[in-house]
Amino acid sequence: MDHYLIVLFHLLCAVLFVGAVAMEVLILEPVRKFIGDETFQRVEFYLFRRIRRTYPLAVIPLYITGFYMYFGYVDNLGGFESFIDTRFGQLLTLKMSLALGLLTIFASSPFVFMRQRTRSMGGHIKHFFVVTGGPEDFRVDRFETVHYLAMGLGVGIVIVAKLMFVL
């Protein structure tokens, strides 16, 4: 596949992922004081369930294309040592590290935000993919910290991505 199409697809997936996090931090969080914690908890729970079902359609291709391009650049520059000696390679590796941090937040979010009622192994797997429980199980006390961290990582990724082609 053409490199520019892969880059375009990667950027579209990134816009969906980081844009949704930005929407939650910049729009949903400020509304919280007007609607109250109980309503916010219900809204965020149902939004969270929807996110867990739809985001993988953007997140999985985002990371696949990202890894594909990263290792393509490593190969094109003659291996990891030659790659990491370049400013571009250092910045791309930093971007990849920030992206892996963001992926960790996304992957662990069902366990961070939801109180889980069942402790069986099958319960953990189902909880990860479906998000079991109800609005009363959603941990709004963790919303702000996790979302601001995710937003910071997303903004950091965008800044480093731009610096890769400027410096």
N, C-alpha and C. Protein backbone atom coordinates (compact mmCIF):
# COMPACT_ATOMS: atom_id res chain seq x y z
N MET A 1 0.85 -1.18 0.00
CA MET A 1 0.00 0.00 0.00
C MET A 1 0.90 1.24 0.00
N ASP A 2 0.46 2.27 -0.67
CA ASP A 2 1.22 3.51 -0.76
C ASP A 2 1.43 4.12 0.63
N HIS A 3 2.65 4.58 0.87
CA HIS A 3 3.01 5.15 2.18
C HIS A 3 2.09 6.31 2.57
N TYR A 4 1.75 7.16 1.61
CA TYR A 4 0.92 8.32 1.92
C TYR A 4 -0.51 7.93 2.29
N LEU A 5 -1.01 6.85 1.74
CA LEU A 5 -2.33 6.36 2.14
C LEU A 5 -2.30 5.81 3.57
N ILE A 6 -1.22 5.14 3.91
CA ILE A 6 -1.07 4.62 5.27
C ILE A 6 -0.99 5.78 6.26
N VAL A 7 -0.22 6.81 5.91
CA VAL A 7 -0.11 8.00 6.77
C VAL A 7 -1.47 8.67 6.93
N LEU A 8 -2.20 8.81 5.83
CA LEU A 8 -3.53 9.42 5.89
C LEU A 8 -4.47 8.62 6.78
N PHE A 9 -4.51 7.32 6.60
CA PHE A 9 -5.35 6.45 7.42
C PHE A 9 -4.95 6.55 8.90
N HIS A 10 -3.65 6.58 9.16
CA HIS A 10 -3.12 6.72 10.52
C HIS A 10 -3.59 8.04 11.14
N LEU A 11 -3.50 9.11 10.38
CA LEU A 11 -3.92 10.42 10.89
C LEU A 11 -5.42 10.49 11.14
N LEU A 12 -6.21 9.89 10.26
CA LEU A 12 -7.67 9.89 10.47
C LEU A 12 -8.04 9.13 11.75
N CYS A 13 -7.40 8.00 11.97
CA CYS A 13 -7.64 7.24 13.21
C CYS A 13 -7.20 8.04 14.43
N ALA A 14 -6.07 8.74 14.32
CA ALA A 14 -5.56 9.54 15.44
C ALA A 14 -6.52 10.69 15.76
N VAL A 15 -7.06 11.32 14.74
CA VAL A 15 -8.01 12.42 14.94
C VAL A 15 -9.24 11.90 15.70
N LEU A 16 -9.74 10.74 15.32
CA LEU A 16 -10.90 10.17 16.01
C LEU A 16 -10.59 9.88 17.47
N PHE A 17 -9.45 9.27 17.72
CA PHE A 17 -9.09 8.85 19.07
C PHE A 17 -8.78 10.05 19.97
N VAL A 18 -7.85 10.89 19.56
CA VAL A 18 -7.45 12.02 20.39
C VAL A 18 -8.55 13.07 20.43
N GLY A 19 -9.28 13.23 19.33
CA GLY A 19 -10.39 14.19 19.30
C GLY A 19 -11.48 13.83 20.29
N ALA A 20 -11.77 12.56 20.43
CA ALA A 20 -12.80 12.14 21.38
C ALA A 20 -12.35 12.38 22.82
N VAL A 21 -11.08 12.14 23.10
CA VAL A 21 -10.55 12.43 24.45
C VAL A 21 -10.63 13.93 24.71
N ALA A 22 -10.27 14.73 23.73
CA ALA A 22 -10.34 16.19 23.88
C ALA A 22 -11.78 16.63 24.12
N MET A 23 -12.72 16.03 23.42
CA MET A 23 -14.13 16.38 23.62
C MET A 23 -14.55 16.10 25.06
N GLU A 24 -14.12 14.98 25.60
CA GLU A 24 -14.50 14.65 26.97
C GLU A 24 -13.90 15.64 27.97
N VAL A 25 -12.65 16.02 27.76
CA VAL A 25 -11.97 16.92 28.70
C VAL A 25 -12.48 18.35 28.54
N LEU A 26 -12.58 18.83 27.32
CA LEU A 26 -12.90 20.23 27.08
C LEU A 26 -14.39 20.54 27.08
N ILE A 27 -15.24 19.54 26.81
CA ILE A 27 -16.67 19.80 26.74
C ILE A 27 -17.44 19.10 27.85
N LEU A 28 -17.22 17.80 28.01
CA LEU A 28 -18.01 17.04 28.97
C LEU A 28 -17.66 17.38 30.42
N GLU A 29 -16.39 17.46 30.75
CA GLU A 29 -15.99 17.74 32.13
C GLU A 29 -16.52 19.09 32.62
N PRO A 30 -16.45 20.18 31.86
CA PRO A 30 -17.01 21.45 32.35
C PRO A 30 -18.53 21.42 32.55
N VAL A 31 -19.24 20.56 31.81
CA VAL A 31 -20.68 20.46 31.95
C VAL A 31 -21.05 19.78 33.27
N ARG A 32 -20.13 19.05 33.82
CA ARG A 32 -20.37 18.27 35.05
C ARG A 32 -20.93 19.12 36.18
N LYS A 33 -20.42 20.33 36.36
CA LYS A 33 -20.87 21.17 37.48
C LYS A 33 -22.32 21.64 37.29
N PHE A 34 -22.81 21.64 36.04
CA PHE A 34 -24.18 22.07 35.78
C PHE A 34 -25.18 20.93 35.89
N ILE A 35 -24.75 19.70 35.59
CA ILE A 35 -25.70 18.58 35.59
C ILE A 35 -25.61 17.74 36.86
N GLY A 36 -24.56 17.92 37.65
CA GLY A 36 -24.41 17.17 38.89
C GLY A 36 -23.71 15.84 38.67
N ASP A 37 -23.15 15.31 39.76
CA ASP A 37 -22.36 14.09 39.68
C ASP A 37 -23.18 12.86 39.31
N GLU A 38 -24.42 12.77 39.79
CA GLU A 38 -25.23 11.59 39.50
C GLU A 38 -25.58 11.50 38.01
N THR A 39 -26.01 12.60 37.43
CA THR A 39 -26.32 12.62 36.00
C THR A 39 -25.05 12.43 35.18
N PHE A 40 -23.97 13.08 35.62
CA PHE A 40 -22.68 12.95 34.93
C PHE A 40 -22.22 11.49 34.93
N GLN A 41 -22.42 10.82 36.06
CA GLN A 41 -22.03 9.41 36.17
C GLN A 41 -22.79 8.56 35.16
N ARG A 42 -24.09 8.80 35.01
CA ARG A 42 -24.90 8.04 34.05
C ARG A 42 -24.46 8.34 32.61
N VAL A 43 -24.31 9.62 32.29
CA VAL A 43 -23.91 10.01 30.93
C VAL A 43 -22.55 9.41 30.60
N GLU A 44 -21.60 9.56 31.51
CA GLU A 44 -20.25 9.07 31.25
C GLU A 44 -20.22 7.55 31.16
N PHE A 45 -21.02 6.85 31.94
CA PHE A 45 -21.07 5.39 31.86
C PHE A 45 -21.53 4.94 30.48
N TYR A 46 -22.64 5.52 29.99
CA TYR A 46 -23.15 5.10 28.68
C TYR A 46 -22.22 5.54 27.55
N LEU A 47 -21.60 6.68 27.70
CA LEU A 47 -20.60 7.10 26.72
C LEU A 47 -19.41 6.15 26.75
N PHE A 48 -18.98 5.76 27.94
CA PHE A 48 -17.86 4.84 28.11
C PHE A 48 -18.15 3.49 27.46
N ARG A 49 -19.36 2.97 27.67
CA ARG A 49 -19.73 1.69 27.03
C ARG A 49 -19.69 1.81 25.52
N ARG A 50 -20.17 2.92 24.99
CA ARG A 50 -20.15 3.13 23.54
C ARG A 50 -18.71 3.23 23.04
N ILE A 51 -17.88 3.93 23.78
CA ILE A 51 -16.47 4.09 23.42
C ILE A 51 -15.78 2.73 23.37
N ARG A 52 -16.01 1.89 24.34
CA ARG A 52 -15.36 0.57 24.39
C ARG A 52 -15.79 -0.31 23.22
N ARG A 53 -16.94 -0.03 22.66
CA ARG A 53 -17.41 -0.83 21.53
C ARG A 53 -16.97 -0.26 20.18
N THR A 54 -16.78 1.04 20.09
CA THR A 54 -16.48 1.66 18.80
C THR A 54 -15.02 2.09 18.64
N TYR A 55 -14.36 2.48 19.69
CA TYR A 55 -12.97 2.95 19.57
C TYR A 55 -12.01 1.93 18.99
N PRO A 56 -12.17 0.65 19.29
CA PRO A 56 -11.24 -0.30 18.68
C PRO A 56 -11.19 -0.20 17.16
N LEU A 57 -12.27 0.27 16.54
CA LEU A 57 -12.27 0.44 15.08
C LEU A 57 -11.29 1.53 14.64
N ALA A 58 -10.96 2.44 15.52
CA ALA A 58 -9.95 3.47 15.23
C ALA A 58 -8.62 3.14 15.88
N VAL A 59 -8.67 2.61 17.11
CA VAL A 59 -7.43 2.40 17.88
C VAL A 59 -6.59 1.27 17.30
N ILE A 60 -7.20 0.16 16.94
CA ILE A 60 -6.41 -0.98 16.41
C ILE A 60 -5.71 -0.60 15.11
N PRO A 61 -6.42 -0.02 14.11
CA PRO A 61 -5.69 0.39 12.90
C PRO A 61 -4.66 1.49 13.16
N LEU A 62 -4.95 2.36 14.10
CA LEU A 62 -4.00 3.43 14.45
C LEU A 62 -2.67 2.84 14.89
N TYR A 63 -2.71 1.88 15.77
CA TYR A 63 -1.47 1.28 16.28
C TYR A 63 -0.83 0.33 15.26
N ILE A 64 -1.63 -0.36 14.48
CA ILE A 64 -1.05 -1.22 13.43
C ILE A 64 -0.29 -0.38 12.42
N THR A 65 -0.91 0.69 11.95
CA THR A 65 -0.22 1.55 10.98
C THR A 65 0.97 2.25 11.61
N GLY A 66 0.85 2.62 12.88
CA GLY A 66 1.97 3.26 13.57
C GLY A 66 3.18 2.35 13.69
N PHE A 67 2.94 1.12 14.13
CA PHE A 67 4.04 0.14 14.22
C PHE A 67 4.62 -0.17 12.84
N TYR A 68 3.75 -0.31 11.85
CA TYR A 68 4.19 -0.59 10.49
C TYR A 68 5.13 0.50 9.98
N MET A 69 4.73 1.75 10.18
CA MET A 69 5.58 2.86 9.73
C MET A 69 6.86 2.95 10.53
N TYR A 70 6.76 2.76 11.85
CA TYR A 70 7.94 2.84 12.72
C TYR A 70 9.01 1.84 12.27
N PHE A 71 8.62 0.59 12.14
CA PHE A 71 9.60 -0.44 11.76
C PHE A 71 10.04 -0.30 10.31
N GLY A 72 9.19 0.30 9.47
CA GLY A 72 9.60 0.63 8.11
C GLY A 72 10.72 1.66 8.09
N TYR A 73 10.60 2.69 8.93
CA TYR A 73 11.65 3.70 9.04
C TYR A 73 12.93 3.09 9.60
N VAL A 74 12.80 2.21 10.59
CA VAL A 74 13.99 1.54 11.16
C VAL A 74 14.71 0.75 10.07
N ASP A 75 13.96 0.00 9.29
CA ASP A 75 14.57 -0.78 8.19
C ASP A 75 15.21 0.12 7.14
N ASN A 76 14.53 1.20 6.78
CA ASN A 76 15.04 2.10 5.74
C ASN A 76 16.32 2.81 6.16
N LEU A 77 16.51 3.00 7.45
CA LEU A 77 17.71 3.69 7.93
C LEU A 77 18.80 2.72 8.36
N GLY A 78 18.65 1.45 8.05
CA GLY A 78 19.73 0.48 8.29
C GLY A 78 19.78 -0.11 9.68
N GLY A 79 18.68 -0.21 10.34
CA GLY A 79 18.64 -0.84 11.66
C GLY A 79 18.39 0.17 12.77
N PHE A 80 18.13 -0.36 13.95
CA PHE A 80 17.72 0.49 15.08
C PHE A 80 18.83 1.44 15.51
N GLU A 81 20.08 0.98 15.55
CA GLU A 81 21.17 1.86 15.99
C GLU A 81 21.32 3.07 15.08
N SER A 82 21.29 2.86 13.77
CA SER A 82 21.37 3.98 12.82
C SER A 82 20.14 4.87 12.94
N PHE A 83 18.99 4.26 13.14
CA PHE A 83 17.73 5.00 13.25
C PHE A 83 17.73 5.90 14.47
N ILE A 84 18.12 5.37 15.61
CA ILE A 84 18.06 6.12 16.86
C ILE A 84 19.15 7.21 16.93
N ASP A 85 20.14 7.12 16.06
CA ASP A 85 21.17 8.16 16.00
C ASP A 85 20.67 9.43 15.30
N THR A 86 19.55 9.34 14.62
CA THR A 86 19.01 10.50 13.93
C THR A 86 18.02 11.24 14.82
N ARG A 87 17.87 12.53 14.62
CA ARG A 87 16.90 13.32 15.37
C ARG A 87 15.47 12.81 15.10
N PHE A 88 15.21 12.48 13.83
CA PHE A 88 13.92 11.93 13.44
C PHE A 88 13.64 10.63 14.20
N GLY A 89 14.63 9.75 14.26
CA GLY A 89 14.46 8.47 14.96
C GLY A 89 14.22 8.65 16.44
N GLN A 90 14.91 9.59 17.06
CA GLN A 90 14.72 9.86 18.49
C GLN A 90 13.31 10.39 18.76
N LEU A 91 12.87 11.33 17.92
CA LEU A 91 11.54 11.90 18.11
C LEU A 91 10.44 10.87 17.81
N LEU A 92 10.63 10.05 16.79
CA LEU A 92 9.64 9.03 16.48
C LEU A 92 9.57 7.98 17.60
N THR A 93 10.71 7.65 18.19
CA THR A 93 10.72 6.71 19.31
C THR A 93 10.03 7.33 20.53
N LEU A 94 10.25 8.63 20.76
CA LEU A 94 9.54 9.32 21.84
C LEU A 94 8.04 9.31 21.58
N LYS A 95 7.65 9.59 20.34
CA LYS A 95 6.23 9.56 19.96
C LYS A 95 5.64 8.18 20.20
N MET A 96 6.37 7.14 19.82
CA MET A 96 5.91 5.77 20.01
C MET A 96 5.75 5.47 21.51
N SER A 97 6.67 5.95 22.32
CA SER A 97 6.59 5.73 23.77
C SER A 97 5.36 6.41 24.36
N LEU A 98 5.10 7.65 23.95
CA LEU A 98 3.90 8.36 24.41
C LEU A 98 2.64 7.62 23.95
N ALA A 99 2.65 7.14 22.72
CA ALA A 99 1.50 6.41 22.18
C ALA A 99 1.26 5.11 22.95
N LEU A 100 2.33 4.44 23.35
CA LEU A 100 2.15 3.21 24.14
C LEU A 100 1.58 3.54 25.51
N GLY A 101 1.95 4.68 26.07
CA GLY A 101 1.34 5.13 27.33
C GLY A 101 -0.15 5.38 27.17
N LEU A 102 -0.53 6.00 26.07
CA LEU A 102 -1.94 6.25 25.79
C LEU A 102 -2.69 4.94 25.57
N LEU A 103 -2.06 4.00 24.89
CA LEU A 103 -2.68 2.68 24.68
C LEU A 103 -2.88 1.96 26.01
N THR A 104 -1.94 2.10 26.92
CA THR A 104 -2.07 1.48 28.25
C THR A 104 -3.27 2.05 28.98
N ILE A 105 -3.46 3.36 28.90
CA ILE A 105 -4.63 3.98 29.54
C ILE A 105 -5.91 3.44 28.93
N PHE A 106 -5.95 3.38 27.60
CA PHE A 106 -7.15 2.89 26.91
C PHE A 106 -7.44 1.43 27.28
N ALA A 107 -6.41 0.60 27.26
CA ALA A 107 -6.60 -0.82 27.53
C ALA A 107 -7.01 -1.09 28.98
N SER A 108 -6.52 -0.28 29.90
CA SER A 108 -6.83 -0.52 31.32
C SER A 108 -8.08 0.22 31.78
N SER A 109 -8.67 1.04 30.94
CA SER A 109 -9.80 1.87 31.37
C SER A 109 -10.99 1.11 31.96
N PRO A 110 -11.37 -0.06 31.45
CA PRO A 110 -12.50 -0.75 32.10
C PRO A 110 -12.21 -1.10 33.56
N PHE A 111 -10.96 -1.35 33.86
CA PHE A 111 -10.59 -1.74 35.22
C PHE A 111 -10.36 -0.51 36.09
N VAL A 112 -10.02 0.62 35.47
CA VAL A 112 -9.79 1.86 36.21
C VAL A 112 -11.11 2.53 36.54
N PHE A 113 -12.04 2.54 35.59
CA PHE A 113 -13.28 3.29 35.76
C PHE A 113 -14.45 2.48 36.32
N MET A 114 -14.40 1.16 36.19
CA MET A 114 -15.55 0.37 36.59
C MET A 114 -15.24 -0.51 37.80
N ARG A 115 -16.15 -0.52 38.76
CA ARG A 115 -16.07 -1.48 39.84
C ARG A 115 -16.57 -2.80 39.26
N GLN A 116 -15.79 -3.83 39.40
CA GLN A 116 -16.18 -5.11 38.82
C GLN A 116 -16.80 -5.98 39.90
N ARG A 117 -17.93 -6.53 39.59
CA ARG A 117 -18.65 -7.37 40.56
C ARG A 117 -18.17 -8.81 40.53
N THR A 118 -17.79 -9.29 39.37
CA THR A 118 -17.36 -10.68 39.26
C THR A 118 -15.84 -10.74 39.16
N ARG A 119 -15.22 -11.68 39.84
CA ARG A 119 -13.76 -11.77 39.86
C ARG A 119 -13.23 -12.98 39.10
N SER A 120 -14.10 -13.70 38.41
CA SER A 120 -13.63 -14.87 37.65
C SER A 120 -12.86 -14.40 36.41
N MET A 121 -12.02 -15.29 35.87
CA MET A 121 -11.24 -14.95 34.69
C MET A 121 -12.14 -14.61 33.51
N GLY A 122 -13.20 -15.38 33.32
CA GLY A 122 -14.14 -15.08 32.25
C GLY A 122 -14.81 -13.73 32.46
N GLY A 123 -15.04 -13.37 33.71
CA GLY A 123 -15.61 -12.06 34.04
C GLY A 123 -14.68 -10.93 33.64
N HIS A 124 -13.38 -11.11 33.86
CA HIS A 124 -12.40 -10.09 33.47
C HIS A 124 -12.40 -9.88 31.96
N ILE A 125 -12.42 -10.97 31.21
CA ILE A 125 -12.39 -10.86 29.75
C ILE A 125 -13.66 -10.20 29.24
N LYS A 126 -14.80 -10.63 29.74
CA LYS A 126 -16.07 -10.03 29.33
C LYS A 126 -16.10 -8.56 29.73
N HIS A 127 -15.63 -8.25 30.92
CA HIS A 127 -15.61 -6.88 31.42
C HIS A 127 -14.75 -5.99 30.52
N PHE A 128 -13.64 -6.54 30.03
CA PHE A 128 -12.74 -5.77 29.17
C PHE A 128 -13.40 -5.40 27.85
N PHE A 129 -14.12 -6.35 27.24
CA PHE A 129 -14.69 -6.10 25.93
C PHE A 129 -16.08 -5.47 25.97
N VAL A 130 -16.87 -5.80 26.97
CA VAL A 130 -18.25 -5.36 26.98
C VAL A 130 -18.50 -4.27 28.02
N VAL A 131 -17.76 -4.21 29.08
CA VAL A 131 -17.95 -3.34 30.24
C VAL A 131 -19.22 -3.76 30.95
N THR A 132 -19.05 -4.65 31.91
CA THR A 132 -20.17 -5.16 32.68
C THR A 132 -20.52 -4.17 33.79
N GLY A 133 -21.68 -4.32 34.36
CA GLY A 133 -22.11 -3.44 35.44
C GLY A 133 -23.05 -2.37 34.93
N GLY A 134 -23.35 -1.43 35.80
CA GLY A 134 -24.27 -0.35 35.46
C GLY A 134 -23.68 1.00 35.79
N PRO A 135 -24.46 2.07 35.59
CA PRO A 135 -23.96 3.43 35.86
C PRO A 135 -23.48 3.62 37.29
N GLU A 136 -24.10 2.92 38.22
CA GLU A 136 -23.71 3.05 39.63
C GLU A 136 -22.31 2.49 39.89
N ASP A 137 -21.80 1.67 38.98
CA ASP A 137 -20.47 1.09 39.12
C ASP A 137 -19.36 1.95 38.49
N PHE A 138 -19.75 3.02 37.79
CA PHE A 138 -18.77 3.87 37.12
C PHE A 138 -18.08 4.78 38.13
N ARG A 139 -16.76 4.83 38.10
CA ARG A 139 -15.96 5.61 39.05
C ARG A 139 -15.69 7.01 38.50
N VAL A 140 -16.59 7.96 38.75
CA VAL A 140 -16.39 9.33 38.26
C VAL A 140 -15.27 10.04 38.99
N ASP A 141 -14.88 9.54 40.16
CA ASP A 141 -13.80 10.16 40.91
C ASP A 141 -12.46 10.05 40.17
N ARG A 142 -12.35 9.13 39.23
CA ARG A 142 -11.11 8.95 38.47
C ARG A 142 -11.15 9.60 37.09
N PHE A 143 -12.30 10.12 36.72
CA PHE A 143 -12.50 10.68 35.38
C PHE A 143 -11.47 11.76 35.05
N GLU A 144 -11.41 12.76 35.91
CA GLU A 144 -10.58 13.92 35.62
C GLU A 144 -9.10 13.57 35.47
N THR A 145 -8.55 12.84 36.42
CA THR A 145 -7.13 12.51 36.39
C THR A 145 -6.76 11.72 35.14
N VAL A 146 -7.50 10.67 34.87
CA VAL A 146 -7.17 9.79 33.73
C VAL A 146 -7.37 10.53 32.40
N HIS A 147 -8.45 11.29 32.26
CA HIS A 147 -8.70 11.98 31.00
C HIS A 147 -7.70 13.11 30.76
N TYR A 148 -7.31 13.83 31.80
CA TYR A 148 -6.31 14.87 31.62
C TYR A 148 -4.95 14.27 31.26
N LEU A 149 -4.62 13.14 31.85
CA LEU A 149 -3.38 12.45 31.50
C LEU A 149 -3.44 11.98 30.03
N ALA A 150 -4.56 11.40 29.63
CA ALA A 150 -4.71 10.94 28.25
C ALA A 150 -4.65 12.12 27.28
N MET A 151 -5.28 13.22 27.64
CA MET A 151 -5.25 14.41 26.78
C MET A 151 -3.82 14.95 26.67
N GLY A 152 -3.11 14.97 27.79
CA GLY A 152 -1.71 15.42 27.76
C GLY A 152 -0.84 14.56 26.87
N LEU A 153 -1.03 13.25 26.96
CA LEU A 153 -0.27 12.34 26.09
C LEU A 153 -0.64 12.56 24.62
N GLY A 154 -1.93 12.72 24.34
CA GLY A 154 -2.38 12.96 22.97
C GLY A 154 -1.80 14.25 22.40
N VAL A 155 -1.83 15.32 23.18
CA VAL A 155 -1.26 16.59 22.72
C VAL A 155 0.26 16.45 22.54
N GLY A 156 0.90 15.74 23.46
CA GLY A 156 2.34 15.49 23.34
C GLY A 156 2.69 14.74 22.07
N ILE A 157 1.88 13.76 21.72
CA ILE A 157 2.10 12.98 20.49
C ILE A 157 2.00 13.89 19.27
N VAL A 158 0.99 14.75 19.25
CA VAL A 158 0.81 15.66 18.13
C VAL A 158 1.98 16.62 18.01
N ILE A 159 2.45 17.16 19.12
CA ILE A 159 3.57 18.11 19.10
C ILE A 159 4.84 17.41 18.62
N VAL A 160 5.12 16.22 19.16
CA VAL A 160 6.32 15.49 18.74
C VAL A 160 6.23 15.11 17.27
N ALA A 161 5.02 14.72 16.82
CA ALA A 161 4.86 14.37 15.40
C ALA A 161 5.18 15.55 14.49
N LYS A 162 4.77 16.71 14.91
CA LYS A 162 5.07 17.91 14.11
C LYS A 162 6.56 18.24 14.16
N LEU A 163 7.16 18.12 15.33
CA LEU A 163 8.60 18.39 15.48
C LEU A 163 9.46 17.46 14.65
N MET A 164 8.99 16.24 14.42
CA MET A 164 9.75 15.25 13.65
C MET A 164 10.06 15.78 12.25
N PHE A 165 9.17 16.58 11.71
CA PHE A 165 9.34 17.04 10.33
C PHE A 165 9.80 18.50 10.26
N VAL A 166 9.96 19.14 11.42
CA VAL A 166 10.40 20.53 11.48
C VAL A 166 11.89 20.61 11.84
N LEU A 167 12.28 19.79 12.83
CA LEU A 167 13.67 19.87 13.32
C LEU A 167 14.61 19.07 12.45
